[in-house]
């Protein structure tokens, strides 16, 4: 059975595919358990906002309430996502 992995097709048996996916899931679980909550949330927020962008939004929260609301909602999403990942065992 061919499976598309990292931009190329790899010929693997269903058992090999399952073992690989299981190993990847275990590595991801170990990652989320090893990283501190605050650091993980910060990393998720950085996927969309740089530190300077965050400061700009916070400085202008009264002038641009819609932009601040979107930023705040995203931060809450990041926190919920990290809590979910860290609670998976």
PDB file of N, CA and C in Angstrom:
ATOM      1  N   UNK A   1       0.858  -1.179   0.000  1.00  0.00           N
ATOM      2  CA  UNK A   1       0.000   0.000   0.000  1.00  0.00           C
ATOM      3  C   UNK A   1       0.897   1.233   0.000  1.00  0.00           C
ATOM      4  N   UNK A   2       0.602   2.167  -0.853  1.00  0.00           N
ATOM      5  CA  UNK A   2       1.378   3.400  -0.911  1.00  0.00           C
ATOM      6  C   UNK A   2       0.688   4.465  -0.086  1.00  0.00           C
ATOM      7  N   UNK A   3       1.488   5.183   0.681  1.00  0.00           N
ATOM      8  CA  UNK A   3       0.966   6.272   1.505  1.00  0.00           C
ATOM      9  C   UNK A   3       1.803   7.510   1.210  1.00  0.00           C
ATOM     10  N   UNK A   4       1.121   8.648   1.092  1.00  0.00           N
ATOM     11  CA  UNK A   4       1.783   9.916   0.803  1.00  0.00           C
ATOM     12  C   UNK A   4       2.306  10.495   2.112  1.00  0.00           C
ATOM     13  N   UNK A   5       3.623  10.600   2.269  1.00  0.00           N
ATOM     14  CA  UNK A   5       4.257  11.082   3.491  1.00  0.00           C
ATOM     15  C   UNK A   5       5.323  12.101   3.132  1.00  0.00           C
ATOM     16  N   UNK A   6       5.209  13.299   3.706  1.00  0.00           N
ATOM     17  CA  UNK A   6       6.221  14.343   3.498  1.00  0.00           C
ATOM     18  C   UNK A   6       6.557  14.569   2.024  1.00  0.00           C
ATOM     19  N   UNK A   7       5.532  14.655   1.207  1.00  0.00           N
ATOM     20  CA  UNK A   7       5.738  15.003  -0.187  1.00  0.00           C
ATOM     21  C   UNK A   7       6.127  13.863  -1.099  1.00  0.00           C
ATOM     22  N   UNK A   8       6.098  12.609  -0.591  1.00  0.00           N
ATOM     23  CA  UNK A   8       6.421  11.499  -1.469  1.00  0.00           C
ATOM     24  C   UNK A   8       5.612  10.261  -1.076  1.00  0.00           C
ATOM     25  N   UNK A   9       5.441   9.384  -2.037  1.00  0.00           N
ATOM     26  CA  UNK A   9       4.718   8.147  -1.786  1.00  0.00           C
ATOM     27  C   UNK A   9       5.692   7.103  -1.254  1.00  0.00           C
ATOM     28  N   UNK A  10       5.269   6.438  -0.192  1.00  0.00           N
ATOM     29  CA  UNK A  10       6.099   5.405   0.417  1.00  0.00           C
ATOM     30  C   UNK A  10       5.308   4.101   0.399  1.00  0.00           C
ATOM     31  N   UNK A  11       5.973   3.041  -0.006  1.00  0.00           N
ATOM     32  CA  UNK A  11       5.333   1.729  -0.069  1.00  0.00           C
ATOM     33  C   UNK A  11       5.447   1.084   1.308  1.00  0.00           C
ATOM     34  N   UNK A  12       4.299   0.964   2.007  1.00  0.00           N
ATOM     35  CA  UNK A  12       4.285   0.387   3.352  1.00  0.00           C
ATOM     36  C   UNK A  12       3.079  -0.534   3.498  1.00  0.00           C
ATOM     37  N   UNK A  13       3.225  -1.528   4.365  1.00  0.00           N
ATOM     38  CA  UNK A  13       2.088  -2.400   4.666  1.00  0.00           C
ATOM     39  C   UNK A  13       1.171  -1.660   5.641  1.00  0.00           C
ATOM     40  N   UNK A  14      -0.075  -2.078   5.738  1.00  0.00           N
ATOM     41  CA  UNK A  14      -0.975  -1.443   6.713  1.00  0.00           C
ATOM     42  C   UNK A  14      -0.428  -1.505   8.148  1.00  0.00           C
ATOM     43  N   UNK A  15       0.242  -2.604   8.483  1.00  0.00           N
ATOM     44  CA  UNK A  15       0.829  -2.736   9.817  1.00  0.00           C
ATOM     45  C   UNK A  15       1.955  -1.721  10.038  1.00  0.00           C
ATOM     46  N   UNK A  16       2.766  -1.528   9.013  1.00  0.00           N
ATOM     47  CA  UNK A  16       3.851  -0.543   9.110  1.00  0.00           C
ATOM     48  C   UNK A  16       3.290   0.870   9.235  1.00  0.00           C
ATOM     49  N   UNK A  17       2.227   1.154   8.499  1.00  0.00           N
ATOM     50  CA  UNK A  17       1.587   2.469   8.578  1.00  0.00           C
ATOM     51  C   UNK A  17       1.039   2.694   9.987  1.00  0.00           C
ATOM     52  N   UNK A  18       0.353   1.685  10.534  1.00  0.00           N
ATOM     53  CA  UNK A  18      -0.213   1.796  11.886  1.00  0.00           C
ATOM     54  C   UNK A  18       0.893   1.988  12.920  1.00  0.00           C
ATOM     55  N   UNK A  19       1.984   1.256  12.784  1.00  0.00           N
ATOM     56  CA  UNK A  19       3.099   1.387  13.730  1.00  0.00           C
ATOM     57  C   UNK A  19       3.723   2.774  13.649  1.00  0.00           C
ATOM     58  N   UNK A  20       3.872   3.278  12.441  1.00  0.00           N
ATOM     59  CA  UNK A  20       4.451   4.617  12.263  1.00  0.00           C
ATOM     60  C   UNK A  20       3.540   5.686  12.859  1.00  0.00           C
ATOM     61  N   UNK A  21       2.235   5.584  12.595  1.00  0.00           N
ATOM     62  CA  UNK A  21       1.292   6.561  13.136  1.00  0.00           C
ATOM     63  C   UNK A  21       1.237   6.486  14.652  1.00  0.00           C
ATOM     64  N   UNK A  22       1.322   5.287  15.202  1.00  0.00           N
ATOM     65  CA  UNK A  22       1.341   5.116  16.658  1.00  0.00           C
ATOM     66  C   UNK A  22       2.591   5.754  17.266  1.00  0.00           C
ATOM     67  N   UNK A  23       3.723   5.552  16.627  1.00  0.00           N
ATOM     68  CA  UNK A  23       4.974   6.144  17.115  1.00  0.00           C
ATOM     69  C   UNK A  23       4.919   7.666  17.049  1.00  0.00           C
ATOM     70  N   UNK A  24       4.324   8.201  15.983  1.00  0.00           N
ATOM     71  CA  UNK A  24       4.200   9.652  15.862  1.00  0.00           C
ATOM     72  C   UNK A  24       3.270  10.209  16.938  1.00  0.00           C
ATOM     73  N   UNK A  25       2.175   9.516  17.202  1.00  0.00           N
ATOM     74  CA  UNK A  25       1.241   9.955  18.243  1.00  0.00           C
ATOM     75  C   UNK A  25       1.911   9.928  19.612  1.00  0.00           C
ATOM     76  N   UNK A  26       2.713   8.913  19.872  1.00  0.00           N
ATOM     77  CA  UNK A  26       3.423   8.818  21.149  1.00  0.00           C
ATOM     78  C   UNK A  26       4.454   9.941  21.280  1.00  0.00           C
ATOM     79  N   UNK A  27       5.152  10.245  20.218  1.00  0.00           N
ATOM     80  CA  UNK A  27       6.132  11.343  20.249  1.00  0.00           C
ATOM     81  C   UNK A  27       5.430  12.672  20.505  1.00  0.00           C
ATOM     82  N   UNK A  28       4.287  12.864  19.877  1.00  0.00           N
ATOM     83  CA  UNK A  28       3.533  14.099  20.097  1.00  0.00           C
ATOM     84  C   UNK A  28       3.036  14.180  21.543  1.00  0.00           C
ATOM     85  N   UNK A  29       2.562  13.060  22.085  1.00  0.00           N
ATOM     86  CA  UNK A  29       2.109  13.030  23.473  1.00  0.00           C
ATOM     87  C   UNK A  29       3.255  13.373  24.421  1.00  0.00           C
ATOM     88  N   UNK A  30       4.429  12.801  24.190  1.00  0.00           N
ATOM     89  CA  UNK A  30       5.598  13.090  25.039  1.00  0.00           C
ATOM     90  C   UNK A  30       5.983  14.563  24.954  1.00  0.00           C
ATOM     91  N   UNK A  31       5.902  15.136  23.736  1.00  0.00           N
ATOM     92  CA  UNK A  31       6.215  16.552  23.565  1.00  0.00           C
ATOM     93  C   UNK A  31       5.301  17.414  24.434  1.00  0.00           C
ATOM     94  N   UNK A  32       3.988  17.188  24.313  1.00  0.00           N
ATOM     95  CA  UNK A  32       3.040  18.020  25.058  1.00  0.00           C
ATOM     96  C   UNK A  32       3.187  17.824  26.558  1.00  0.00           C
ATOM     97  N   UNK A  33       3.593  16.648  27.002  1.00  0.00           N
ATOM     98  CA  UNK A  33       3.781  16.427  28.432  1.00  0.00           C
ATOM     99  C   UNK A  33       5.077  17.071  28.941  1.00  0.00           C
ATOM    100  N   UNK A  34       6.045  17.247  28.063  1.00  0.00           N
ATOM    101  CA  UNK A  34       7.349  17.766  28.494  1.00  0.00           C
ATOM    102  C   UNK A  34       7.429  19.291  28.512  1.00  0.00           C
ATOM    103  N   UNK A  35       6.614  19.955  27.738  1.00  0.00           N
ATOM    104  CA  UNK A  35       6.719  21.411  27.619  1.00  0.00           C
ATOM    105  C   UNK A  35       5.814  22.077  28.670  1.00  0.00           C
ATOM    106  N   UNK A  36       6.325  23.090  29.379  1.00  0.00           N
ATOM    107  CA  UNK A  36       5.490  23.789  30.365  1.00  0.00           C
ATOM    108  C   UNK A  36       4.292  24.474  29.690  1.00  0.00           C
ATOM    109  N   UNK A  37       3.186  24.539  30.418  1.00  0.00           N
ATOM    110  CA  UNK A  37       1.938  25.098  29.890  1.00  0.00           C
ATOM    111  C   UNK A  37       2.150  26.496  29.306  1.00  0.00           C
ATOM    112  N   UNK A  38       2.780  27.400  30.053  1.00  0.00           N
ATOM    113  CA  UNK A  38       2.951  28.785  29.602  1.00  0.00           C
ATOM    114  C   UNK A  38       3.769  28.861  28.320  1.00  0.00           C
ATOM    115  N   UNK A  39       4.798  28.035  28.247  1.00  0.00           N
ATOM    116  CA  UNK A  39       5.644  28.005  27.053  1.00  0.00           C
ATOM    117  C   UNK A  39       4.867  27.485  25.845  1.00  0.00           C
ATOM    118  N   UNK A  40       4.037  26.484  26.064  1.00  0.00           N
ATOM    119  CA  UNK A  40       3.235  25.923  24.976  1.00  0.00           C
ATOM    120  C   UNK A  40       2.211  26.932  24.469  1.00  0.00           C
ATOM    121  N   UNK A  41       1.556  27.638  25.393  1.00  0.00           N
ATOM    122  CA  UNK A  41       0.578  28.655  24.992  1.00  0.00           C
ATOM    123  C   UNK A  41       1.287  29.754  24.196  1.00  0.00           C
ATOM    124  N   UNK A  42       2.423  30.202  24.684  1.00  0.00           N
ATOM    125  CA  UNK A  42       3.179  31.232  23.983  1.00  0.00           C
ATOM    126  C   UNK A  42       3.550  30.786  22.571  1.00  0.00           C
ATOM    127  N   UNK A  43       3.986  29.546  22.434  1.00  0.00           N
ATOM    128  CA  UNK A  43       4.360  29.024  21.110  1.00  0.00           C
ATOM    129  C   UNK A  43       3.155  28.996  20.173  1.00  0.00           C
ATOM    130  N   UNK A  44       1.998  28.630  20.689  1.00  0.00           N
ATOM    131  CA  UNK A  44       0.789  28.616  19.861  1.00  0.00           C
ATOM    132  C   UNK A  44       0.400  30.030  19.438  1.00  0.00           C
ATOM    133  N   UNK A  45       0.470  30.978  20.362  1.00  0.00           N
ATOM    134  CA  UNK A  45       0.138  32.374  20.036  1.00  0.00           C
ATOM    135  C   UNK A  45       1.095  32.912  18.979  1.00  0.00           C
ATOM    136  N   UNK A  46       2.385  32.553  19.070  1.00  0.00           N
ATOM    137  CA  UNK A  46       3.389  33.031  18.113  1.00  0.00           C
ATOM    138  C   UNK A  46       3.146  32.520  16.705  1.00  0.00           C
ATOM    139  N   UNK A  47       2.330  31.492  16.563  1.00  0.00           N
ATOM    140  CA  UNK A  47       2.011  31.014  15.219  1.00  0.00           C
ATOM    141  C   UNK A  47       1.244  32.065  14.428  1.00  0.00           C
ATOM    142  N   UNK A  48       0.557  32.966  15.134  1.00  0.00           N
ATOM    143  CA  UNK A  48      -0.211  34.003  14.451  1.00  0.00           C
ATOM    144  C   UNK A  48       0.303  35.412  14.760  1.00  0.00           C
ATOM    145  N   UNK A  49       0.756  35.656  15.970  1.00  0.00           N
ATOM    146  CA  UNK A  49       1.155  37.004  16.393  1.00  0.00           C
ATOM    147  C   UNK A  49       2.590  37.012  16.904  1.00  0.00           C
ATOM    148  N   UNK A  50       3.368  37.966  16.424  1.00  0.00           N
ATOM    149  CA  UNK A  50       4.703  38.170  16.982  1.00  0.00           C
ATOM    150  C   UNK A  50       4.545  38.956  18.284  1.00  0.00           C
ATOM    151  N   UNK A  51       5.616  39.063  19.046  1.00  0.00           N
ATOM    152  CA  UNK A  51       5.565  39.827  20.294  1.00  0.00           C
ATOM    153  C   UNK A  51       5.236  41.287  20.002  1.00  0.00           C
ATOM    154  N   UNK A  52       5.852  41.855  18.982  1.00  0.00           N
ATOM    155  CA  UNK A  52       5.593  43.261  18.666  1.00  0.00           C
ATOM    156  C   UNK A  52       4.148  43.467  18.205  1.00  0.00           C
ATOM    157  N   UNK A  53       3.594  42.512  17.479  1.00  0.00           N
ATOM    158  CA  UNK A  53       2.186  42.622  17.082  1.00  0.00           C
ATOM    159  C   UNK A  53       1.272  42.567  18.304  1.00  0.00           C
ATOM    160  N   UNK A  54       1.616  41.703  19.239  1.00  0.00           N
ATOM    161  CA  UNK A  54       0.826  41.610  20.475  1.00  0.00           C
ATOM    162  C   UNK A  54       0.849  42.930  21.232  1.00  0.00           C
ATOM    163  N   UNK A  55       2.025  43.508  21.394  1.00  0.00           N
ATOM    164  CA  UNK A  55       2.130  44.787  22.102  1.00  0.00           C
ATOM    165  C   UNK A  55       1.312  45.871  21.396  1.00  0.00           C
ATOM    166  N   UNK A  56       1.367  45.882  20.070  1.00  0.00           N
ATOM    167  CA  UNK A  56       0.615  46.886  19.311  1.00  0.00           C
ATOM    168  C   UNK A  56      -0.890  46.721  19.541  1.00  0.00           C
ATOM    169  N   UNK A  57      -1.354  45.500  19.529  1.00  0.00           N
ATOM    170  CA  UNK A  57      -2.782  45.244  19.760  1.00  0.00           C
ATOM    171  C   UNK A  57      -3.178  45.662  21.171  1.00  0.00           C
ATOM    172  N   UNK A  58      -2.337  45.319  22.125  1.00  0.00           N
ATOM    173  CA  UNK A  58      -2.647  45.673  23.514  1.00  0.00           C
ATOM    174  C   UNK A  58      -2.641  47.189  23.726  1.00  0.00           C
ATOM    175  N   UNK A  59      -1.704  47.892  23.077  1.00  0.00           N
ATOM    176  CA  UNK A  59      -1.660  49.356  23.202  1.00  0.00           C
ATOM    177  C   UNK A  59      -2.893  50.009  22.595  1.00  0.00           C
ATOM    178  N   UNK A  60      -3.428  49.408  21.558  1.00  0.00           N
ATOM    179  CA  UNK A  60      -4.536  50.012  20.821  1.00  0.00           C
ATOM    180  C   UNK A  60      -5.873  49.332  21.095  1.00  0.00           C
ATOM    181  N   UNK A  61      -5.991  48.645  22.216  1.00  0.00           N
ATOM    182  CA  UNK A  61      -7.209  47.881  22.478  1.00  0.00           C
ATOM    183  C   UNK A  61      -8.454  48.746  22.535  1.00  0.00           C
ATOM    184  N   UNK A  62      -8.322  49.997  22.989  1.00  0.00           N
ATOM    185  CA  UNK A  62      -9.480  50.895  23.046  1.00  0.00           C
ATOM    186  C   UNK A  62      -9.791  51.506  21.672  1.00  0.00           C
ATOM    187  N   UNK A  63      -8.757  51.723  20.871  1.00  0.00           N
ATOM    188  CA  UNK A  63      -8.946  52.318  19.538  1.00  0.00           C
ATOM    189  C   UNK A  63      -9.414  51.291  18.505  1.00  0.00           C
ATOM    190  N   UNK A  64      -9.030  50.039  18.694  1.00  0.00           N
ATOM    191  CA  UNK A  64      -9.368  48.977  17.734  1.00  0.00           C
ATOM    192  C   UNK A  64      -9.955  47.774  18.477  1.00  0.00           C
ATOM    193  N   UNK A  65     -11.165  47.937  19.026  1.00  0.00           N
ATOM    194  CA  UNK A  65     -11.737  46.861  19.835  1.00  0.00           C
ATOM    195  C   UNK A  65     -11.996  45.560  19.064  1.00  0.00           C
ATOM    196  N   UNK A  66     -12.298  45.647  17.764  1.00  0.00           N
ATOM    197  CA  UNK A  66     -12.535  44.431  16.992  1.00  0.00           C
ATOM    198  C   UNK A  66     -11.246  43.617  16.848  1.00  0.00           C
ATOM    199  N   UNK A  67     -10.153  44.317  16.588  1.00  0.00           N
ATOM    200  CA  UNK A  67      -8.857  43.639  16.454  1.00  0.00           C
ATOM    201  C   UNK A  67      -8.453  43.000  17.787  1.00  0.00           C
ATOM    202  N   UNK A  68      -8.683  43.734  18.872  1.00  0.00           N
ATOM    203  CA  UNK A  68      -8.366  43.198  20.197  1.00  0.00           C
ATOM    204  C   UNK A  68      -9.242  41.974  20.497  1.00  0.00           C
ATOM    205  N   UNK A  69     -10.522  42.043  20.166  1.00  0.00           N
ATOM    206  CA  UNK A  69     -11.431  40.920  20.419  1.00  0.00           C
ATOM    207  C   UNK A  69     -10.982  39.669  19.662  1.00  0.00           C
ATOM    208  N   UNK A  70     -10.543  39.845  18.419  1.00  0.00           N
ATOM    209  CA  UNK A  70     -10.050  38.710  17.634  1.00  0.00           C
ATOM    210  C   UNK A  70      -8.785  38.135  18.265  1.00  0.00           C
ATOM    211  N   UNK A  71      -7.890  39.004  18.692  1.00  0.00           N
ATOM    212  CA  UNK A  71      -6.653  38.569  19.355  1.00  0.00           C
ATOM    213  C   UNK A  71      -6.982  37.810  20.637  1.00  0.00           C
ATOM    214  N   UNK A  72      -7.864  38.363  21.447  1.00  0.00           N
ATOM    215  CA  UNK A  72      -8.238  37.754  22.719  1.00  0.00           C
ATOM    216  C   UNK A  72      -8.865  36.374  22.488  1.00  0.00           C
ATOM    217  N   UNK A  73      -9.770  36.283  21.526  1.00  0.00           N
ATOM    218  CA  UNK A  73     -10.411  35.007  21.218  1.00  0.00           C
ATOM    219  C   UNK A  73      -9.376  33.976  20.767  1.00  0.00           C
ATOM    220  N   UNK A  74      -8.406  34.403  19.963  1.00  0.00           N
ATOM    221  CA  UNK A  74      -7.356  33.491  19.517  1.00  0.00           C
ATOM    222  C   UNK A  74      -6.525  32.996  20.697  1.00  0.00           C
ATOM    223  N   UNK A  75      -6.182  33.898  21.604  1.00  0.00           N
ATOM    224  CA  UNK A  75      -5.412  33.500  22.792  1.00  0.00           C
ATOM    225  C   UNK A  75      -6.182  32.474  23.626  1.00  0.00           C
ATOM    226  N   UNK A  76      -7.482  32.676  23.776  1.00  0.00           N
ATOM    227  CA  UNK A  76      -8.310  31.726  24.522  1.00  0.00           C
ATOM    228  C   UNK A  76      -8.356  30.376  23.800  1.00  0.00           C
ATOM    229  N   UNK A  77      -8.405  30.395  22.481  1.00  0.00           N
ATOM    230  CA  UNK A  77      -8.362  29.157  21.690  1.00  0.00           C
ATOM    231  C   UNK A  77      -7.045  28.424  21.930  1.00  0.00           C
ATOM    232  N   UNK A  78      -5.959  29.181  21.941  1.00  0.00           N
ATOM    233  CA  UNK A  78      -4.634  28.585  22.164  1.00  0.00           C
ATOM    234  C   UNK A  78      -4.566  27.935  23.539  1.00  0.00           C
ATOM    235  N   UNK A  79      -5.068  28.620  24.551  1.00  0.00           N
ATOM    236  CA  UNK A  79      -5.056  28.069  25.903  1.00  0.00           C
ATOM    237  C   UNK A  79      -5.872  26.782  25.983  1.00  0.00           C
ATOM    238  N   UNK A  80      -7.052  26.786  25.374  1.00  0.00           N
ATOM    239  CA  UNK A  80      -7.901  25.597  25.386  1.00  0.00           C
ATOM    240  C   UNK A  80      -7.227  24.444  24.642  1.00  0.00           C
ATOM    241  N   UNK A  81      -6.600  24.747  23.502  1.00  0.00           N
ATOM    242  CA  UNK A  81      -5.910  23.726  22.720  1.00  0.00           C
ATOM    243  C   UNK A  81      -4.779  23.092  23.525  1.00  0.00           C
ATOM    244  N   UNK A  82      -3.973  23.917  24.182  1.00  0.00           N
ATOM    245  CA  UNK A  82      -2.847  23.403  24.970  1.00  0.00           C
ATOM    246  C   UNK A  82      -3.358  22.565  26.136  1.00  0.00           C
ATOM    247  N   UNK A  83      -4.392  23.034  26.821  1.00  0.00           N
ATOM    248  CA  UNK A  83      -4.954  22.240  27.932  1.00  0.00           C
ATOM    249  C   UNK A  83      -5.428  20.883  27.422  1.00  0.00           C
ATOM    250  N   UNK A  84      -6.071  20.864  26.280  1.00  0.00           N
ATOM    251  CA  UNK A  84      -6.551  19.604  25.699  1.00  0.00           C
ATOM    252  C   UNK A  84      -5.385  18.684  25.372  1.00  0.00           C
ATOM    253  N   UNK A  85      -4.333  19.232  24.767  1.00  0.00           N
ATOM    254  CA  UNK A  85      -3.174  18.417  24.406  1.00  0.00           C
ATOM    255  C   UNK A  85      -2.468  17.873  25.646  1.00  0.00           C
ATOM    256  N   UNK A  86      -2.352  18.688  26.670  1.00  0.00           N
ATOM    257  CA  UNK A  86      -1.647  18.270  27.874  1.00  0.00           C
ATOM    258  C   UNK A  86      -2.457  17.262  28.690  1.00  0.00           C
ATOM    259  N   UNK A  87      -3.763  17.254  28.521  1.00  0.00           N
ATOM    260  CA  UNK A  87      -4.601  16.323  29.295  1.00  0.00           C
ATOM    261  C   UNK A  87      -4.720  14.959  28.634  1.00  0.00           C
ATOM    262  N   UNK A  88      -4.278  14.853  27.386  1.00  0.00           N
ATOM    263  CA  UNK A  88      -4.362  13.572  26.686  1.00  0.00           C
ATOM    264  C   UNK A  88      -3.304  12.625  27.230  1.00  0.00           C
ATOM    265  N   UNK A  89      -3.718  11.437  27.545  1.00  0.00           N
ATOM    266  CA  UNK A  89      -2.761  10.425  28.030  1.00  0.00           C
ATOM    267  C   UNK A  89      -2.803   9.210  27.210  1.00  0.00           C
TER     268      UNK A  89
END
